[in-house]
Amino acid sequence: MNKIVFKKKMRSFISICLLFFVLFPAAAQEQAPLDDLNQFVIENLQFPKGELSDGNKGRMILSLKINNEGLPDSVFVSQASTETFNTECMRVMELIIQNWRPSFLDDRAAGEEYLLVFSFSAQMGNSGFSDKYAQLERLIKKEKYEKAMALIDQKIEENPFYSDDYLTRSEIHRQMGNNEESQRDYMTARQLKKKILVNAEVTAFGMPRPPSSP
């Protein structure tokens, strides 16, 4: 039986059953606490069925204004996607506001604006995914820094909003003796960490189950 495999990525992967869809688990790190905003989003964000076609991608970026009391004040669209992706992101945004906890700021300052990045990618025809981060780790351990650099450059090009990716590239630059580039990536990572509240990525693999015969 054909299936769709969903990958939901923050800093770890979560395995959840959803109708006839299967979420493909990867090696997860320690589970985040229930009051963690990234965990909350990854448990609620879904890939819209209407966007399940090969190569289909979307990214919506929302700007959330936090008032001086540490509560959501207003939401602005910084980058829109298709109507279907936008609708799903706004649905999750409403859930965030309805279930807001002070811990969602993760020690960030009140009275500021923060970004929430939602990314979607459909790779229909692929039955699974390759763990590029595991591959990257192996390359670094083997001191194959040029290949590691090419891989992390690809990851940053695909999604330039992950602070950890810039930290990884900073370390690779350091190992290669590129001190200026290493410092620049380190500072970029710090800026992204402060500015981005959520960076959610959902990827769909495989083929949808064919409709039942009448």
C-alpha atoms as a PDB file:
ATOM      1  CA  MET A   1       0.000   0.000   0.000  1.00  0.00           C
ATOM      2  CA  ASN A   2       1.370   3.395  -0.967  1.00  0.00           C
ATOM      3  CA  LYS A   3       1.825   5.951   1.718  1.00  0.00           C
ATOM      4  CA  ILE A   4       2.880   9.492   2.339  1.00  0.00           C
ATOM      5  CA  VAL A   5       5.692  10.111   4.730  1.00  0.00           C
ATOM      6  CA  PHE A   6       5.787  13.444   6.508  1.00  0.00           C
ATOM      7  CA  LYS A   7       8.921  14.865   8.048  1.00  0.00           C
ATOM      8  CA  LYS A   8       8.434  17.590  10.619  1.00  0.00           C
ATOM      9  CA  LYS A   9      11.681  19.255  11.565  1.00  0.00           C
ATOM     10  CA  MET A  10      12.651  21.667  14.317  1.00  0.00           C
ATOM     11  CA  ARG A  11      15.663  20.344  16.165  1.00  0.00           C
ATOM     12  CA  SER A  12      14.302  16.839  16.325  1.00  0.00           C
ATOM     13  CA  PHE A  13      11.723  14.698  14.595  1.00  0.00           C
ATOM     14  CA  ILE A  14       8.394  13.568  16.006  1.00  0.00           C
ATOM     15  CA  SER A  15       6.493  10.412  15.001  1.00  0.00           C
ATOM     16  CA  ILE A  16       2.703  10.831  14.947  1.00  0.00           C
ATOM     17  CA  CYS A  17      -0.034   8.897  13.126  1.00  0.00           C
ATOM     18  CA  LEU A  18      -2.349  11.044  10.984  1.00  0.00           C
ATOM     19  CA  LEU A  19      -5.183   9.211   9.158  1.00  0.00           C
ATOM     20  CA  PHE A  20      -3.479   7.134   6.456  1.00  0.00           C
ATOM     21  CA  PHE A  21      -0.361   9.282   6.602  1.00  0.00           C
ATOM     22  CA  VAL A  22       2.722   8.163   8.501  1.00  0.00           C
ATOM     23  CA  LEU A  23       5.255  10.506   9.999  1.00  0.00           C
ATOM     24  CA  PHE A  24       8.733   9.166   9.413  1.00  0.00           C
ATOM     25  CA  PRO A  25      10.739   9.308  12.653  1.00  0.00           C
ATOM     26  CA  ALA A  26      14.422  10.179  12.710  1.00  0.00           C
ATOM     27  CA  ALA A  27      16.842  10.087  15.582  1.00  0.00           C
ATOM     28  CA  ALA A  28      15.221  12.542  17.975  1.00  0.00           C
ATOM     29  CA  GLN A  29      16.954  14.466  20.643  1.00  0.00           C
ATOM     30  CA  GLU A  30      15.546  14.762  24.125  1.00  0.00           C
ATOM     31  CA  GLN A  31      11.861  15.647  23.920  1.00  0.00           C
ATOM     32  CA  ALA A  32      11.153  19.329  24.507  1.00  0.00           C
ATOM     33  CA  PRO A  33       8.953  20.365  27.413  1.00  0.00           C
ATOM     34  CA  LEU A  34       5.252  20.950  26.803  1.00  0.00           C
ATOM     35  CA  ASP A  35       5.676  24.685  27.265  1.00  0.00           C
ATOM     36  CA  ASP A  36       8.189  24.899  24.386  1.00  0.00           C
ATOM     37  CA  LEU A  37       6.785  26.841  21.409  1.00  0.00           C
ATOM     38  CA  ASN A  38       8.703  24.883  18.779  1.00  0.00           C
ATOM     39  CA  GLN A  39       7.316  21.650  20.194  1.00  0.00           C
ATOM     40  CA  PHE A  40       3.817  23.104  20.220  1.00  0.00           C
ATOM     41  CA  VAL A  41       4.056  24.126  16.566  1.00  0.00           C
ATOM     42  CA  ILE A  42       5.522  20.866  15.337  1.00  0.00           C
ATOM     43  CA  GLU A  43       2.697  18.941  16.982  1.00  0.00           C
ATOM     44  CA  ASN A  44       0.045  21.071  15.267  1.00  0.00           C
ATOM     45  CA  LEU A  45       1.423  22.069  11.863  1.00  0.00           C
ATOM     46  CA  GLN A  46       0.187  19.865   9.002  1.00  0.00           C
ATOM     47  CA  PHE A  47       0.986  19.583   5.322  1.00  0.00           C
ATOM     48  CA  PRO A  48      -2.127  20.674   3.355  1.00  0.00           C
ATOM     49  CA  LYS A  49      -3.453  17.790   1.256  1.00  0.00           C
ATOM     50  CA  GLY A  50      -4.227  20.117  -1.633  1.00  0.00           C
ATOM     51  CA  GLU A  51      -0.529  20.947  -2.030  1.00  0.00           C
ATOM     52  CA  LEU A  52       0.675  17.344  -2.358  1.00  0.00           C
ATOM     53  CA  SER A  53       2.309  17.495  -5.778  1.00  0.00           C
ATOM     54  CA  ASP A  54       5.949  16.767  -6.554  1.00  0.00           C
ATOM     55  CA  GLY A  55       8.279  19.695  -6.089  1.00  0.00           C
ATOM     56  CA  ASN A  56       5.626  21.862  -4.493  1.00  0.00           C
ATOM     57  CA  LYS A  57       7.133  24.238  -1.957  1.00  0.00           C
ATOM     58  CA  GLY A  58       5.905  27.083   0.167  1.00  0.00           C
ATOM     59  CA  ARG A  59       7.123  29.354   2.918  1.00  0.00           C
ATOM     60  CA  MET A  60       5.181  31.817   5.020  1.00  0.00           C
ATOM     61  CA  ILE A  61       6.825  34.208   7.472  1.00  0.00           C
ATOM     62  CA  LEU A  62       4.767  35.921  10.141  1.00  0.00           C
ATOM     63  CA  SER A  63       5.878  38.768  12.379  1.00  0.00           C
ATOM     64  CA  LEU A  64       4.497  38.580  15.906  1.00  0.00           C
ATOM     65  CA  LYS A  65       4.474  41.696  18.060  1.00  0.00           C
ATOM     66  CA  ILE A  66       4.815  40.991  21.794  1.00  0.00           C
ATOM     67  CA  ASN A  67       3.605  43.677  24.176  1.00  0.00           C
ATOM     68  CA  ASN A  68       5.452  44.855  27.261  1.00  0.00           C
ATOM     69  CA  GLU A  69       3.614  42.274  29.388  1.00  0.00           C
ATOM     70  CA  GLY A  70       4.996  39.444  27.255  1.00  0.00           C
ATOM     71  CA  LEU A  71       1.673  38.711  25.510  1.00  0.00           C
ATOM     72  CA  PRO A  72       0.861  38.577  21.760  1.00  0.00           C
ATOM     73  CA  ASP A  73      -0.246  41.974  20.510  1.00  0.00           C
ATOM     74  CA  SER A  74      -0.527  41.745  16.718  1.00  0.00           C
ATOM     75  CA  VAL A  75       0.482  39.601  13.743  1.00  0.00           C
ATOM     76  CA  PHE A  76       1.770  40.805  10.380  1.00  0.00           C
ATOM     77  CA  VAL A  77       2.528  38.855   7.200  1.00  0.00           C
ATOM     78  CA  SER A  78       6.185  39.324   6.260  1.00  0.00           C
ATOM     79  CA  GLN A  79       6.137  36.766   3.442  1.00  0.00           C
ATOM     80  CA  ALA A  80       3.076  35.045   1.994  1.00  0.00           C
ATOM     81  CA  SER A  81       2.807  31.733   0.153  1.00  0.00           C
ATOM     82  CA  THR A  82      -0.138  30.071  -1.609  1.00  0.00           C
ATOM     83  CA  GLU A  83      -3.603  30.463  -0.137  1.00  0.00           C
ATOM     84  CA  THR A  84      -3.614  26.872   1.133  1.00  0.00           C
ATOM     85  CA  PHE A  85      -0.255  27.147   2.881  1.00  0.00           C
ATOM     86  CA  ASN A  86      -1.206  30.561   4.257  1.00  0.00           C
ATOM     87  CA  THR A  87      -4.438  29.182   5.693  1.00  0.00           C
ATOM     88  CA  GLU A  88      -2.606  26.373   7.494  1.00  0.00           C
ATOM     89  CA  CYS A  89      -0.016  28.754   8.940  1.00  0.00           C
ATOM     90  CA  MET A  90      -2.683  31.161  10.167  1.00  0.00           C
ATOM     91  CA  ARG A  91      -4.566  28.258  11.746  1.00  0.00           C
ATOM     92  CA  VAL A  92      -1.472  27.345  13.746  1.00  0.00           C
ATOM     93  CA  MET A  93      -0.840  31.013  14.544  1.00  0.00           C
ATOM     94  CA  GLU A  94      -4.327  31.248  16.058  1.00  0.00           C
ATOM     95  CA  LEU A  95      -3.592  28.169  18.166  1.00  0.00           C
ATOM     96  CA  ILE A  96      -0.377  29.770  19.401  1.00  0.00           C
ATOM     97  CA  ILE A  97      -2.214  32.891  20.511  1.00  0.00           C
ATOM     98  CA  GLN A  98      -5.030  30.905  22.129  1.00  0.00           C
ATOM     99  CA  ASN A  99      -2.549  28.754  24.055  1.00  0.00           C
ATOM    100  CA  TRP A 100       0.090  31.396  24.733  1.00  0.00           C
ATOM    101  CA  ARG A 101       2.409  30.886  27.685  1.00  0.00           C
ATOM    102  CA  PRO A 102       5.172  33.236  28.868  1.00  0.00           C
ATOM    103  CA  SER A 103       7.646  30.379  28.418  1.00  0.00           C
ATOM    104  CA  PHE A 104       7.071  30.532  24.652  1.00  0.00           C
ATOM    105  CA  LEU A 105       9.433  33.508  24.527  1.00  0.00           C
ATOM    106  CA  ASP A 106      12.266  31.300  25.789  1.00  0.00           C
ATOM    107  CA  ASP A 107      13.893  34.143  27.765  1.00  0.00           C
ATOM    108  CA  ARG A 108      13.549  36.634  24.898  1.00  0.00           C
ATOM    109  CA  ALA A 109      12.586  40.203  25.730  1.00  0.00           C
ATOM    110  CA  ALA A 110       9.002  41.459  25.820  1.00  0.00           C
ATOM    111  CA  GLY A 111       8.015  44.506  23.793  1.00  0.00           C
ATOM    112  CA  GLU A 112       9.685  43.208  20.621  1.00  0.00           C
ATOM    113  CA  GLU A 113       8.708  41.721  17.254  1.00  0.00           C
ATOM    114  CA  TYR A 114       9.706  38.160  16.382  1.00  0.00           C
ATOM    115  CA  LEU A 115       9.504  36.048  13.245  1.00  0.00           C
ATOM    116  CA  LEU A 116       7.754  32.704  12.811  1.00  0.00           C
ATOM    117  CA  VAL A 117       8.910  30.806   9.726  1.00  0.00           C
ATOM    118  CA  PHE A 118       6.790  27.979   8.288  1.00  0.00           C
ATOM    119  CA  SER A 119       8.272  25.986   5.380  1.00  0.00           C
ATOM    120  CA  PHE A 120       6.698  23.200   3.302  1.00  0.00           C
ATOM    121  CA  SER A 121       8.174  20.894   0.676  1.00  0.00           C
ATOM    122  CA  ALA A 122       6.577  17.973  -1.234  1.00  0.00           C
ATOM    123  CA  GLN A 123       8.941  15.367  -2.671  1.00  0.00           C
ATOM    124  CA  MET A 124       6.427  12.955  -4.116  1.00  0.00           C
ATOM    125  CA  GLY A 125       8.026   9.897  -5.668  1.00  0.00           C
ATOM    126  CA  ASN A 126      10.532   9.562  -2.818  1.00  0.00           C
ATOM    127  CA  SER A 127       9.683   6.876  -0.292  1.00  0.00           C
ATOM    128  CA  GLY A 128      11.863   8.380   2.417  1.00  0.00           C
ATOM    129  CA  PHE A 129      14.445  11.019   3.209  1.00  0.00           C
ATOM    130  CA  SER A 130      18.168  11.104   3.665  1.00  0.00           C
ATOM    131  CA  ASP A 131      19.396  12.524   6.943  1.00  0.00           C
ATOM    132  CA  LYS A 132      21.726  15.213   5.667  1.00  0.00           C
ATOM    133  CA  TYR A 133      22.635  16.284   9.181  1.00  0.00           C
ATOM    134  CA  ALA A 134      23.895  12.795   9.998  1.00  0.00           C
ATOM    135  CA  GLN A 135      25.839  12.847   6.749  1.00  0.00           C
ATOM    136  CA  LEU A 136      27.231  16.250   7.660  1.00  0.00           C
ATOM    137  CA  GLU A 137      28.324  15.024  11.077  1.00  0.00           C
ATOM    138  CA  ARG A 138      30.159  12.080   9.508  1.00  0.00           C
ATOM    139  CA  LEU A 139      31.972  14.369   7.069  1.00  0.00           C
ATOM    140  CA  ILE A 140      33.114  16.677   9.871  1.00  0.00           C
ATOM    141  CA  LYS A 141      34.339  13.766  11.996  1.00  0.00           C
ATOM    142  CA  LYS A 142      36.357  12.521   9.010  1.00  0.00           C
ATOM    143  CA  GLU A 143      37.702  16.072   8.535  1.00  0.00           C
ATOM    144  CA  LYS A 144      36.293  16.234   5.006  1.00  0.00           C
ATOM    145  CA  TYR A 145      35.589  19.912   5.416  1.00  0.00           C
ATOM    146  CA  GLU A 146      35.163  20.877   1.763  1.00  0.00           C
ATOM    147  CA  LYS A 147      32.398  18.302   1.289  1.00  0.00           C
ATOM    148  CA  ALA A 148      30.872  19.310   4.615  1.00  0.00           C
ATOM    149  CA  MET A 149      30.935  22.950   3.518  1.00  0.00           C
ATOM    150  CA  ALA A 150      29.164  22.136   0.259  1.00  0.00           C
ATOM    151  CA  LEU A 151      26.452  20.272   2.165  1.00  0.00           C
ATOM    152  CA  ILE A 152      25.861  22.971   4.791  1.00  0.00           C
ATOM    153  CA  ASP A 153      25.843  25.630   2.062  1.00  0.00           C
ATOM    154  CA  GLN A 154      23.048  23.676   0.392  1.00  0.00           C
ATOM    155  CA  LYS A 155      21.080  23.481   3.647  1.00  0.00           C
ATOM    156  CA  ILE A 156      21.416  27.220   4.256  1.00  0.00           C
ATOM    157  CA  GLU A 157      20.370  27.984   0.692  1.00  0.00           C
ATOM    158  CA  GLU A 158      17.256  25.836   1.141  1.00  0.00           C
ATOM    159  CA  ASN A 159      16.360  27.461   4.449  1.00  0.00           C
ATOM    160  CA  PRO A 160      18.427  30.487   5.550  1.00  0.00           C
ATOM    161  CA  PHE A 161      16.611  30.833   8.879  1.00  0.00           C
ATOM    162  CA  TYR A 162      18.230  28.082  11.008  1.00  0.00           C
ATOM    163  CA  SER A 163      20.719  29.569  13.448  1.00  0.00           C
ATOM    164  CA  ASP A 164      22.268  26.154  14.151  1.00  0.00           C
ATOM    165  CA  ASP A 165      23.220  25.779  10.479  1.00  0.00           C
ATOM    166  CA  TYR A 166      25.241  28.989  10.649  1.00  0.00           C
ATOM    167  CA  LEU A 167      26.932  27.796  13.832  1.00  0.00           C
ATOM    168  CA  THR A 168      27.861  24.570  12.058  1.00  0.00           C
ATOM    169  CA  ARG A 169      29.239  26.455   9.079  1.00  0.00           C
ATOM    170  CA  SER A 170      31.100  28.785  11.430  1.00  0.00           C
ATOM    171  CA  GLU A 171      32.855  25.794  12.966  1.00  0.00           C
ATOM    172  CA  ILE A 172      33.696  24.334   9.555  1.00  0.00           C
ATOM    173  CA  HIS A 173      35.176  27.679   8.517  1.00  0.00           C
ATOM    174  CA  ARG A 174      37.187  27.738  11.736  1.00  0.00           C
ATOM    175  CA  GLN A 175      38.581  24.282  11.065  1.00  0.00           C
ATOM    176  CA  MET A 176      39.533  25.418   7.555  1.00  0.00           C
ATOM    177  CA  GLY A 177      41.283  28.505   8.888  1.00  0.00           C
ATOM    178  CA  ASN A 178      38.677  30.934   7.524  1.00  0.00           C
ATOM    179  CA  ASN A 179      38.473  33.066  10.660  1.00  0.00           C
ATOM    180  CA  GLU A 180      36.656  36.041   9.151  1.00  0.00           C
ATOM    181  CA  GLU A 181      33.959  33.877   7.569  1.00  0.00           C
ATOM    182  CA  SER A 182      33.666  31.889  10.795  1.00  0.00           C
ATOM    183  CA  GLN A 183      33.051  35.041  12.835  1.00  0.00           C
ATOM    184  CA  ARG A 184      30.504  36.335  10.321  1.00  0.00           C
ATOM    185  CA  ASP A 185      28.468  33.117  10.463  1.00  0.00           C
ATOM    186  CA  TYR A 186      28.657  33.114  14.255  1.00  0.00           C
ATOM    187  CA  MET A 187      27.231  36.622  14.441  1.00  0.00           C
ATOM    188  CA  THR A 188      24.484  35.708  11.947  1.00  0.00           C
ATOM    189  CA  ALA A 189      23.530  32.743  14.101  1.00  0.00           C
ATOM    190  CA  ARG A 190      23.243  34.968  17.182  1.00  0.00           C
ATOM    191  CA  GLN A 191      21.031  37.440  15.334  1.00  0.00           C
ATOM    192  CA  LEU A 192      18.723  34.710  14.030  1.00  0.00           C
ATOM    193  CA  LYS A 193      18.477  33.136  17.478  1.00  0.00           C
ATOM    194  CA  LYS A 194      17.256  36.423  18.923  1.00  0.00           C
ATOM    195  CA  LYS A 195      14.873  37.294  16.082  1.00  0.00           C
ATOM    196  CA  ILE A 196      13.251  33.991  15.090  1.00  0.00           C
ATOM    197  CA  LEU A 197      10.747  32.539  17.517  1.00  0.00           C
ATOM    198  CA  VAL A 198       9.741  29.525  15.397  1.00  0.00           C
ATOM    199  CA  ASN A 199      11.315  27.800  12.412  1.00  0.00           C
ATOM    200  CA  ALA A 200       9.029  24.950  11.380  1.00  0.00           C
ATOM    201  CA  GLU A 201       9.648  22.759   8.354  1.00  0.00           C
ATOM    202  CA  VAL A 202       7.346  20.007   7.036  1.00  0.00           C
ATOM    203  CA  THR A 203       8.320  17.746   4.138  1.00  0.00           C
ATOM    204  CA  ALA A 204       6.028  15.186   2.485  1.00  0.00           C
ATOM    205  CA  PHE A 205       7.512  12.093   0.818  1.00  0.00           C
ATOM    206  CA  GLY A 206       5.972   9.251  -1.197  1.00  0.00           C
ATOM    207  CA  MET A 207       2.729   8.954  -3.067  1.00  0.00           C
ATOM    208  CA  PRO A 208      -0.845   9.403  -1.811  1.00  0.00           C
ATOM    209  CA  ARG A 209      -2.933   6.278  -1.493  1.00  0.00           C
ATOM    210  CA  PRO A 210      -5.033   5.852  -4.685  1.00  0.00           C
ATOM    211  CA  PRO A 211      -8.794   6.351  -4.280  1.00  0.00           C
ATOM    212  CA  SER A 212     -10.857   3.265  -3.606  1.00  0.00           C
ATOM    213  CA  SER A 213     -12.723   1.753  -6.520  1.00  0.00           C
ATOM    214  CA  PRO A 214     -16.487   2.374  -6.462  1.00  0.00           C
END
